[in-house]
Protein backbone atom coordinates (compact mmCIF):
# COMPACT_ATOMS: atom_id res chain seq x y z
CA MET A 1 52.33 76.27 34.92
CA LYS A 2 53.07 74.29 31.84
CA ARG A 3 53.29 71.14 33.26
CA ILE A 4 49.77 72.06 35.00
CA LEU A 5 48.43 72.50 31.78
CA LEU A 6 50.00 69.51 29.95
CA VAL A 7 48.38 66.55 32.39
CA ALA A 8 45.13 68.73 31.99
CA SER A 9 45.34 68.27 28.23
CA LEU A 10 46.22 64.35 28.87
CA PHE A 11 43.12 63.62 31.60
CA PHE A 12 40.79 65.46 28.83
CA VAL A 13 42.20 63.51 25.71
CA SER A 14 41.72 60.01 27.83
CA LEU A 15 38.00 61.18 29.02
CA VAL A 16 37.02 61.82 24.87
CA ILE A 17 39.19 59.05 23.73
CA SER A 18 38.46 56.41 26.19
CA PRO A 19 34.64 56.29 25.44
CA ALA A 20 35.21 55.31 21.74
CA VAL A 21 37.64 52.93 22.63
CA MET A 22 34.92 50.79 24.50
CA ALA A 23 32.28 51.84 22.72
CA ASP A 24 34.08 49.21 19.94
CA ILE A 25 31.87 46.26 21.68
CA GLY A 26 28.88 46.08 22.45
CA ILE A 27 27.17 43.82 25.33
CA GLU A 28 23.92 42.96 25.91
CA TYR A 29 22.21 40.81 28.67
CA GLU A 30 18.73 40.69 30.20
CA GLU A 31 20.02 40.54 33.75
CA ARG A 32 21.55 43.48 33.38
CA ASP A 33 21.04 45.53 36.90
CA THR A 34 19.23 42.37 37.95
CA CYS A 35 20.64 40.29 41.23
CA LYS A 36 19.58 36.34 40.35
CA ILE A 37 19.40 33.57 42.77
CA LEU A 38 22.08 30.87 41.96
CA PRO A 39 22.29 28.69 40.01
CA HIS A 40 21.37 30.53 37.10
CA THR A 41 22.79 30.66 33.46
CA TYR A 42 23.27 34.39 31.83
CA GLU A 43 22.62 34.63 28.18
CA VAL A 44 25.35 37.61 26.79
CA ASN A 45 25.36 39.01 23.23
CA ILE A 46 28.40 40.31 21.76
CA THR A 47 28.60 42.93 18.83
CA ASN A 48 31.88 43.49 17.09
CA LEU A 49 31.35 47.29 16.36
CA GLN A 50 34.79 47.55 14.81
CA GLU A 51 35.96 47.82 11.19
CA SER A 52 37.75 44.62 11.07
CA ARG A 53 37.29 40.94 12.12
CA ASN A 54 38.62 40.29 15.72
CA ILE A 55 39.23 37.51 18.16
CA PHE A 56 37.65 38.52 21.33
CA ARG A 57 38.16 36.99 24.73
CA VAL A 58 36.23 36.39 27.90
CA ARG A 59 37.71 37.26 31.38
CA VAL A 60 36.67 35.61 34.72
CA PRO A 61 37.97 37.57 38.05
CA ARG A 62 40.30 35.15 39.51
CA GLY A 63 38.42 34.85 42.76
CA PHE A 64 35.61 33.60 41.11
CA SER A 65 36.96 31.11 38.32
CA ARG A 66 35.13 28.18 40.40
CA TRP A 67 31.84 29.99 39.78
CA VAL A 68 31.62 30.69 36.20
CA THR A 69 31.37 28.38 33.43
CA VAL A 70 31.98 30.13 30.36
CA SER A 71 30.49 28.37 27.04
CA ASP A 72 33.09 29.79 24.45
CA SER A 73 35.81 32.08 25.69
CA ILE A 74 37.09 32.76 22.87
CA LEU A 75 34.59 34.18 19.72
CA ARG A 76 35.90 35.49 16.14
CA ILE A 77 33.40 38.10 15.06
CA SER A 78 33.24 39.98 11.78
CA PRO A 79 32.72 43.52 11.70
CA GLY A 80 29.09 44.25 12.69
CA ASP A 81 28.13 40.84 13.59
CA GLN A 82 26.91 39.12 16.91
CA GLU A 83 27.77 36.24 18.76
CA THR A 84 25.94 34.24 22.13
CA ILE A 85 27.89 33.31 24.86
CA TYR A 86 26.55 31.35 27.96
CA LEU A 87 27.63 32.21 31.50
CA ASP A 88 26.55 29.10 33.95
CA VAL A 89 27.00 30.65 37.55
CA SER A 90 27.22 28.12 40.21
CA ALA A 91 28.23 28.43 44.21
CA PRO A 92 30.77 26.73 44.93
CA ARG A 93 30.31 24.58 48.22
CA GLY A 94 31.31 26.44 51.63
CA VAL A 95 30.65 30.21 50.82
CA GLU A 96 28.51 32.41 52.34
CA LEU A 97 25.60 33.53 51.93
CA GLY A 98 24.73 36.75 50.40
CA ASP A 99 24.73 38.85 47.42
CA TYR A 100 27.60 38.32 45.36
CA ASN A 101 28.87 40.74 42.52
CA ILE A 102 31.39 39.67 39.41
CA ASN A 103 33.13 42.38 37.11
CA MET A 104 33.50 40.42 33.48
CA THR A 105 35.53 41.72 31.20
CA VAL A 106 35.39 41.05 27.10
CA MET A 107 38.61 42.39 25.17
CA THR A 108 40.06 42.08 21.43
CA GLU A 109 43.33 39.86 20.83
CA ASP A 110 44.82 42.34 18.60
CA GLU A 111 44.57 45.58 21.09
CA PRO A 112 43.91 44.73 24.87
CA ARG A 113 42.91 48.30 25.24
CA VAL A 114 39.74 47.59 23.10
CA ALA A 115 37.78 46.09 25.90
CA GLU A 116 34.00 46.21 27.44
CA ASN A 117 33.36 45.42 31.58
CA PHE A 118 29.76 43.93 32.63
CA GLU A 119 28.70 43.25 35.86
CA LEU A 120 26.61 39.99 37.20
CA CYS A 121 24.90 40.27 40.24
CA PHE A 122 23.68 37.15 41.69
CA ILE A 123 22.59 35.73 45.27
CA VAL A 124 24.14 32.66 47.16
CA LEU A 125 20.86 31.01 49.39
CA ARG A 126 22.11 27.87 50.83
CA ASP A 127 18.87 27.21 52.25
CA TYR A 128 18.18 25.28 48.82
CA SER A 129 20.57 22.43 47.39
CA MET A 130 20.36 19.26 46.05
CA GLU A 131 22.49 16.57 44.57
CA VAL A 132 21.72 15.09 41.39
CA ASP A 133 23.02 11.64 40.58
CA ASP A 134 22.89 8.36 38.46
CA PHE A 135 21.03 9.31 36.03
CA TYR A 136 19.71 6.70 33.22
CA ILE A 137 17.29 5.01 31.15
CA ASP A 138 16.52 1.25 31.49
CA SER A 139 18.04 0.52 27.91
CA ASP A 140 19.66 1.77 25.19
CA GLU A 141 17.50 -0.23 22.63
CA TYR A 142 13.71 -0.01 21.86
CA SER A 143 11.54 -1.20 19.97
CA PRO A 144 8.25 0.55 18.31
CA GLY A 145 5.35 1.02 21.12
CA GLU A 146 7.59 0.69 24.04
CA THR A 147 8.14 2.87 26.69
CA ILE A 148 11.24 4.30 28.18
CA LYS A 149 11.50 4.69 31.86
CA ALA A 150 13.88 7.31 32.99
CA THR A 151 15.42 7.34 36.73
CA VAL A 152 17.32 9.90 38.96
CA ASP A 153 18.66 9.86 41.95
CA VAL A 154 18.27 12.85 44.25
CA LYS A 155 19.30 14.19 47.71
CA ASN A 156 18.31 17.27 49.72
CA ASP A 157 21.61 18.15 51.54
CA GLY A 158 20.47 21.65 51.87
CA THR A 159 18.57 23.17 55.15
CA LYS A 160 14.82 23.58 53.41
CA ASP A 161 12.34 21.15 52.31
CA PHE A 162 11.94 21.01 48.44
CA ASP A 163 8.10 20.74 47.88
CA ASP A 164 7.97 22.15 43.82
CA GLY A 165 10.82 19.49 42.25
CA ILE A 166 10.22 19.11 38.93
CA PHE A 167 12.22 15.99 37.11
CA ARG A 168 11.60 16.63 33.30
CA ILE A 169 12.84 14.62 30.29
CA GLU A 170 12.15 14.90 26.25
CA MET A 171 12.97 12.91 23.36
CA MET A 172 14.86 14.77 20.79
CA LYS A 173 15.26 13.12 17.38
CA ASP A 174 18.25 15.50 15.14
CA GLY A 175 17.71 18.47 17.66
CA THR A 176 14.04 18.20 17.42
CA ALA A 177 11.50 17.40 20.73
CA ILE A 178 9.12 14.71 19.58
CA GLU A 179 7.89 14.11 23.02
CA GLU A 180 8.34 15.04 26.76
CA SER A 181 7.19 13.58 30.24
CA SER A 182 7.84 15.23 33.73
CA THR A 183 7.21 13.95 37.34
CA GLU A 184 6.80 16.51 40.12
CA PHE A 185 8.29 15.44 44.02
CA ASN A 186 8.81 16.59 47.35
CA LEU A 187 12.06 16.41 48.90
CA GLU A 188 12.33 17.11 52.55
CA THR A 189 15.74 17.85 54.15
CA GLY A 190 18.40 15.42 54.65
CA LYS A 191 16.30 12.59 52.48
CA ARG A 192 17.21 10.87 49.22
CA LYS A 193 14.81 9.38 46.59
CA VAL A 194 14.86 8.01 43.30
CA ILE A 195 12.23 9.90 40.71
CA ASP A 196 11.25 8.10 37.73
CA THR A 197 9.07 9.47 34.91
CA SER A 198 8.66 7.46 31.21
CA ILE A 199 7.54 8.22 28.03
CA VAL A 200 5.49 5.66 25.71
CA LEU A 201 7.05 5.77 22.08
CA ASP A 202 4.52 5.52 19.06
CA LYS A 203 3.91 2.25 17.49
CA LEU A 204 5.06 3.44 14.06
CA GLN A 205 7.90 5.54 15.64
CA LYS A 206 10.84 5.50 13.39
CA PRO A 207 14.26 3.31 13.89
CA GLY A 208 17.32 5.64 14.07
CA ASP A 209 19.37 7.07 16.91
CA TYR A 210 17.63 9.44 19.71
CA GLU A 211 18.14 11.80 22.45
CA ILE A 212 16.85 12.03 25.93
CA ARG A 213 17.47 15.17 27.44
CA TYR A 214 17.07 15.64 31.03
CA GLU A 215 16.39 18.62 33.71
CA VAL A 216 16.25 18.35 37.30
CA MET A 217 14.81 21.51 38.97
CA GLY A 218 14.12 22.91 42.62
CA ALA A 219 12.79 26.00 43.96
CA GLY A 220 12.49 27.67 40.93
CA HIS A 221 16.14 26.58 39.46
CA THR A 222 17.97 24.41 37.15
CA VAL A 223 19.81 21.95 39.36
CA MET A 224 20.95 19.18 36.85
CA LYS A 225 20.44 18.81 32.94
CA GLY A 226 22.27 16.43 30.64
CA SER A 227 21.34 13.68 28.25
CA GLU A 228 21.50 10.00 27.26
CA ARG A 229 21.64 8.70 23.62
CA PHE A 230 19.28 5.49 22.32
CA ASN A 231 18.31 3.53 19.45
CA ILE A 232 14.87 2.74 18.03
CA ILE A 233 15.18 -0.32 15.98
CA GLU A 234 13.71 -1.23 12.61
CA VAL A 235 10.65 -3.36 13.00
CA LYS A 236 9.32 -4.73 9.80
CA ASP A 237 5.53 -6.17 10.22
CA TYR A 238 3.26 -6.53 7.20
CA THR A 239 -0.07 -8.44 6.56
CA VAL A 240 -1.68 -9.38 3.79
CA GLU A 241 -5.30 -10.58 4.12
CA GLU A 242 -7.48 -12.11 1.24
CA THR A 243 -11.09 -12.00 1.55
CA SER A 244 -14.16 -12.86 -1.53
CA ASP A 245 -17.38 -11.90 -1.89
CA GLY A 246 -19.96 -13.56 -4.36
CA ARG A 247 -20.31 -17.04 -5.61
CA TYR A 248 -22.03 -18.03 -8.31
CA ILE A 249 -22.33 -14.57 -10.94
CA THR A 250 -19.25 -12.99 -10.06
CA ARG A 251 -16.99 -13.48 -7.20
CA THR A 252 -14.64 -10.05 -6.30
CA THR A 253 -11.44 -10.97 -3.99
CA ILE A 254 -10.06 -8.12 -1.81
CA ILE A 255 -6.64 -8.53 -1.11
CA ASP A 256 -5.86 -5.85 2.35
CA VAL A 257 -2.17 -4.83 2.81
CA LYS A 258 -1.03 -2.99 5.84
CA ASN A 259 2.31 -1.87 6.63
CA SER A 260 2.40 -1.87 10.55
CA GLY A 261 5.93 -1.68 10.87
CA ASN A 262 8.55 1.52 11.34
CA VAL A 263 9.91 1.39 7.71
CA VAL A 264 8.35 1.87 4.42
CA HIS A 265 7.72 -1.32 2.69
CA SER A 266 7.80 -2.49 -1.09
CA GLU A 267 6.33 -5.72 -2.19
CA ALA A 268 5.17 -7.21 -5.49
CA ILE A 269 2.05 -9.04 -4.86
CA GLU A 270 1.13 -11.69 -7.52
CA ARG A 271 -2.18 -13.40 -8.46
CA SER A 272 -2.17 -16.03 -11.45
CA ALA A 273 -5.13 -17.40 -13.33
CA GLY A 274 -4.74 -20.42 -15.89
CA ILE A 275 -5.42 -19.45 -19.64
CA PHE A 276 -9.07 -20.39 -19.57
CA MET A 277 -10.01 -18.44 -16.35
CA SER A 278 -7.59 -15.33 -17.78
CA PHE A 279 -10.52 -14.76 -19.98
CA LEU A 280 -13.04 -14.68 -16.97
CA THR A 281 -10.74 -12.61 -14.70
CA THR A 282 -10.72 -8.48 -14.43
CA PRO A 283 -7.71 -6.98 -12.32
CA GLU A 284 -7.73 -3.33 -11.22
CA ASP A 285 -4.59 -1.48 -11.39
CA ALA A 286 -2.53 -4.77 -11.84
CA GLU A 287 0.27 -5.07 -14.16
CA VAL A 288 -0.31 -8.36 -16.86
CA TYR A 289 2.33 -10.60 -17.81
CA ARG A 290 2.12 -14.07 -19.38
CA ASP A 291 3.64 -16.87 -18.04
CA GLY A 292 3.73 -20.08 -19.69
CA LEU A 293 -0.02 -21.30 -19.85
CA SER A 294 -1.00 -18.59 -16.90
CA GLU A 295 -1.83 -14.80 -16.54
CA VAL A 296 -0.39 -13.51 -13.98
CA TYR A 297 -1.27 -9.87 -12.33
CA ARG A 298 1.03 -7.82 -10.53
CA TRP A 299 0.80 -5.35 -8.19
CA ASN A 300 3.95 -3.43 -6.70
CA VAL A 301 3.13 -1.95 -3.44
CA GLU A 302 4.56 0.60 -0.92
CA LEU A 303 3.52 1.62 1.67
CA GLU A 304 4.19 4.12 5.01
CA PRO A 305 4.53 3.05 8.13
CA GLY A 306 0.57 2.72 8.81
CA GLU A 307 -0.50 2.77 5.35
CA SER A 308 -2.79 0.58 4.25
CA THR A 309 -4.09 -0.44 0.70
CA GLN A 310 -6.76 -2.86 -0.83
CA LEU A 311 -5.65 -4.77 -4.33
CA ARG A 312 -9.00 -5.94 -6.29
CA TYR A 313 -9.72 -8.01 -8.78
CA GLN A 314 -13.16 -9.91 -10.11
CA VAL A 315 -13.71 -13.41 -11.66
CA SER A 316 -17.17 -13.52 -13.63
CA TYR A 317 -18.77 -16.81 -14.15
CA TRP A 318 -22.03 -15.86 -16.19
CA PRO A 319 -19.85 -16.68 -19.28
CA ILE A 320 -19.16 -20.31 -18.06
CA TYR A 321 -23.14 -20.40 -17.37
CA ILE A 322 -23.84 -19.28 -20.90
CA LEU A 323 -21.48 -21.57 -22.43
CA LEU A 324 -23.09 -24.55 -20.68
CA VAL A 325 -26.75 -23.44 -21.84
CA LEU A 326 -25.19 -23.47 -25.18
CA LEU A 327 -23.72 -26.86 -24.93
CA ALA A 328 -26.58 -28.19 -23.38
CA VAL A 329 -28.74 -27.22 -26.26
CA ILE A 330 -26.03 -28.56 -28.48
CA LEU A 331 -25.93 -31.87 -26.85
CA PHE A 332 -29.61 -32.31 -26.71
CA GLN A 333 -30.09 -31.47 -30.44
CA ILE A 334 -27.35 -34.16 -30.74
CA GLN A 335 -29.12 -36.40 -28.89
CA MET A 336 -32.44 -36.13 -30.23
CA TYR A 337 -30.69 -36.35 -33.91
CA ILE A 338 -28.99 -39.82 -32.92
CA LYS A 339 -32.24 -41.22 -31.39
CA ALA A 340 -34.52 -39.86 -34.69
CA PRO A 341 -34.25 -42.67 -37.50
CA VAL A 342 -32.65 -41.40 -40.70
CA VAL A 343 -33.39 -41.83 -44.73
CA LYS A 344 -31.08 -42.47 -47.46
CA LYS A 345 -32.04 -42.24 -50.70
CA LYS A 346 -30.52 -44.01 -54.41
CA VAL A 347 -31.93 -43.89 -57.83
CA GLU A 348 -30.22 -46.22 -60.26
CA ARG A 349 -31.22 -47.78 -63.89
CA SER A 350 -33.83 -50.41 -63.32
CA GLU A 351 -31.82 -54.29 -64.09
CA ILE A 352 -35.19 -56.06 -64.44
CA SER A 353 -36.50 -53.65 -67.28
CA ASP A 354 -35.31 -53.88 -70.62
CA ASP A 355 -35.90 -50.46 -71.07
CA LYS A 356 -33.59 -47.88 -70.40
CA ARG A 357 -35.49 -45.22 -69.44
CA VAL A 358 -37.03 -46.87 -66.25
CA LEU A 359 -35.38 -46.35 -63.45
CA THR A 360 -35.04 -47.92 -59.57
CA VAL A 361 -35.83 -45.53 -56.39
CA SER A 362 -34.43 -47.17 -53.35
CA LEU A 363 -35.26 -45.35 -49.87
CA TYR A 364 -33.62 -46.76 -46.60
CA VAL A 365 -35.14 -46.49 -43.33
CA THR A 366 -32.75 -46.88 -40.25
CA ASN A 367 -33.67 -46.41 -36.47
CA ARG A 368 -30.97 -45.76 -33.95
CA LEU A 369 -29.69 -47.54 -31.12
CA PHE A 370 -31.69 -45.13 -28.89
CA GLY A 371 -35.58 -45.23 -29.06
CA LYS A 372 -38.53 -47.00 -30.66
CA ALA A 373 -39.70 -44.75 -33.52
CA LYS A 374 -43.55 -44.85 -34.00
CA ASN A 375 -45.83 -43.86 -36.78
CA VAL A 376 -43.37 -43.55 -38.87
CA ILE A 377 -44.20 -41.85 -42.32
CA LEU A 378 -42.02 -42.18 -44.75
CA GLU A 379 -42.21 -39.39 -47.79
CA ASP A 380 -40.94 -39.28 -51.36
CA SER A 381 -41.61 -37.25 -54.77
CA ALA A 382 -40.91 -38.18 -58.31
CA PRO A 383 -40.19 -35.11 -60.76
CA SER A 384 -42.82 -34.11 -63.08
CA VAL A 385 -40.95 -35.59 -66.19
CA THR A 386 -41.37 -39.41 -64.53
CA ARG A 387 -44.08 -41.68 -64.52
CA VAL A 388 -44.33 -44.06 -60.85
CA LEU A 389 -45.08 -47.42 -62.20
CA ASP A 390 -47.33 -49.34 -60.26
CA GLU A 391 -45.17 -51.81 -59.48
CA PHE A 392 -44.42 -52.21 -55.82
CA ASP A 393 -42.18 -55.19 -54.63
CA THR A 394 -42.58 -53.87 -50.59
CA LEU A 395 -45.18 -52.22 -48.82
CA GLU A 396 -47.91 -50.31 -51.37
CA PRO A 397 -47.78 -46.27 -50.88
CA SER A 398 -50.67 -43.51 -51.10
CA ILE A 399 -49.95 -41.71 -54.11
CA GLU A 400 -50.63 -37.94 -54.69
CA ARG A 401 -50.24 -36.60 -58.23
CA LYS A 402 -49.75 -33.05 -59.02
CA ASP A 403 -48.81 -30.97 -62.00
CA ASP A 404 -44.93 -30.64 -61.06
CA GLU A 405 -44.71 -33.70 -59.16
CA THR A 406 -45.81 -37.17 -57.70
CA ILE A 407 -45.79 -37.45 -54.08
CA LEU A 408 -45.57 -41.09 -52.53
CA ARG A 409 -46.41 -41.55 -48.98
CA TRP A 410 -46.10 -44.86 -46.53
CA LYS A 411 -46.55 -45.60 -43.09
CA LEU A 412 -43.88 -47.74 -41.68
CA SER A 413 -45.93 -47.91 -38.00
CA ASP A 414 -43.44 -48.84 -35.05
CA ILE A 415 -39.54 -49.20 -35.84
CA GLU A 416 -37.82 -50.84 -33.06
CA PRO A 417 -34.34 -49.52 -32.11
CA GLY A 418 -31.53 -50.86 -34.55
CA ASP A 419 -34.17 -51.82 -37.14
CA SER A 420 -34.40 -50.39 -40.64
CA ARG A 421 -36.81 -50.51 -43.45
CA VAL A 422 -36.36 -50.61 -47.23
CA ILE A 423 -38.53 -49.41 -49.75
CA HIS A 424 -38.20 -49.69 -53.68
CA TYR A 425 -40.06 -48.37 -56.53
CA LYS A 426 -40.05 -47.37 -60.26
CA VAL A 427 -40.29 -44.50 -62.76
CA LYS A 428 -40.47 -44.52 -66.06
CA VAL A 429 -38.61 -40.92 -67.77
CA LEU A 430 -41.07 -39.43 -70.03
CA VAL A 431 -39.06 -36.82 -71.79
CA GLU A 432 -36.02 -38.50 -74.31
CA SER A 433 -34.74 -35.23 -74.67
CA VAL A 434 -33.61 -35.17 -70.71
CA ASP A 435 -30.15 -36.00 -70.23
CA GLU A 436 -29.73 -35.74 -66.36
CA LEU A 437 -32.51 -35.39 -63.92
CA ILE A 438 -32.72 -34.38 -60.33
CA PHE A 439 -34.71 -36.27 -57.42
CA PRO A 440 -35.80 -33.83 -54.93
CA GLU A 441 -35.19 -34.75 -51.03
CA ALA A 442 -37.38 -37.93 -49.10
CA SER A 443 -38.30 -37.41 -45.85
CA VAL A 444 -38.87 -39.07 -42.63
CA ARG A 445 -40.91 -38.32 -39.89
CA GLY A 446 -43.05 -39.78 -36.72
CA SER A 447 -42.05 -39.70 -32.64
CA VAL A 448 -39.53 -40.77 -30.63
CA ASP A 449 -39.92 -40.83 -26.86
CA GLY A 450 -42.94 -38.65 -27.21
CA ARG A 451 -41.04 -36.15 -29.32
CA THR A 452 -41.42 -35.63 -32.75
CA PHE A 453 -38.66 -35.54 -35.24
CA GLU A 454 -38.21 -34.90 -39.34
CA ARG A 455 -35.21 -36.13 -41.05
CA SER A 456 -34.54 -35.95 -45.07
CA SER A 457 -32.04 -37.48 -47.65
CA SER A 458 -29.89 -35.44 -49.99
CA LYS A 459 -30.71 -35.22 -53.58
CA VAL A 460 -29.88 -37.06 -56.04
CA ARG A 461 -28.88 -36.30 -59.30
CA ILE A 462 -28.36 -39.17 -62.13
CA GLY A 463 -28.27 -39.13 -65.99
CA VAL A 464 -30.79 -40.69 -68.61
């Protein structure tokens, strides 16, 4: 009787303890209680429900070792954490059609009794079967804008035709999908064909290492998948075009810079102007520095692939026109001055008189070499403290006496280019207390080439 009670007690304890031990591992997967058609990949989440970190092992039954591929057969999981494994299940050749079940086990390394079983149910349909071989891309190096062509060889070695075959590729960069392409195909029983699809690279595709992932599907299942790596080369392609508009008043020059390559382009673009033209040039947003007798304008350009920018500078010519007009006026005045006759005045004591207070005034009129002077009139004046003596060795003038001065005028008629006239007259100083006299300017006027002129001499100071 005691023996029976002991056995019953142990059986009851085992019923109570076993669920607690089994509950130390949590297993979750969506395919529970459903049967999948092979080939199929199962995603299984394993949670450590123990209070310590442990190592977990996934065990496949011996009879199904060729059926199942485990992504991670050994897992190190901390308390409360979860890890995911993937079970790729495919039927070996030669197995019978039908339903199958695999009783998988997850156990701990420290305590093998801490284990959890889960069951996978799947169906083997040998009617659909496809061999996939010889996937390749046409190059391992591409330039931006080129086309990546991918091909794969497929053969239907089953007993049914595939009418929904798909060959799909994805272009990946650092684990991120950039572009994809796919081709649908039919494959009759016993037939083999080469399937291709392609991806056109962007013209600005950045250089570096990339990956092509491929997948061949049939009858709603993945038959084969894999990947191939390739490289996109670095292309430096930039253009600098310069255009100008305007011509006479202002000229605006536009420099168009465009980066058509697939890498960042940095460049210093310079234009220079001579020391004179620099005063007329206005650059926009440029660094300016002096280089010898030139002024240099520099733009530091940095463009991302596909970017463009415009640089501008303007040359204003209107200051030149103003300067030319002023210069023309000055030259014209100089020309007119050179063409018109000039007059010089000289006063000195008379050498032919005993009276020391008699002075001789000499007027020298000289015509230049560039034109005939017509209707020339010479005019001079004597101070009021003097008296003009009626002694004229040359041409006699008309005399006009005023209170403050005496005005003398001579009509010299025409004077040929290069000729000159000399006029003398005498004056007597009337006031003895005067020590110094100032004789006013003499003037000559007339016309040269239809234009009137008038020139004056300088004043003359003389001691009496």
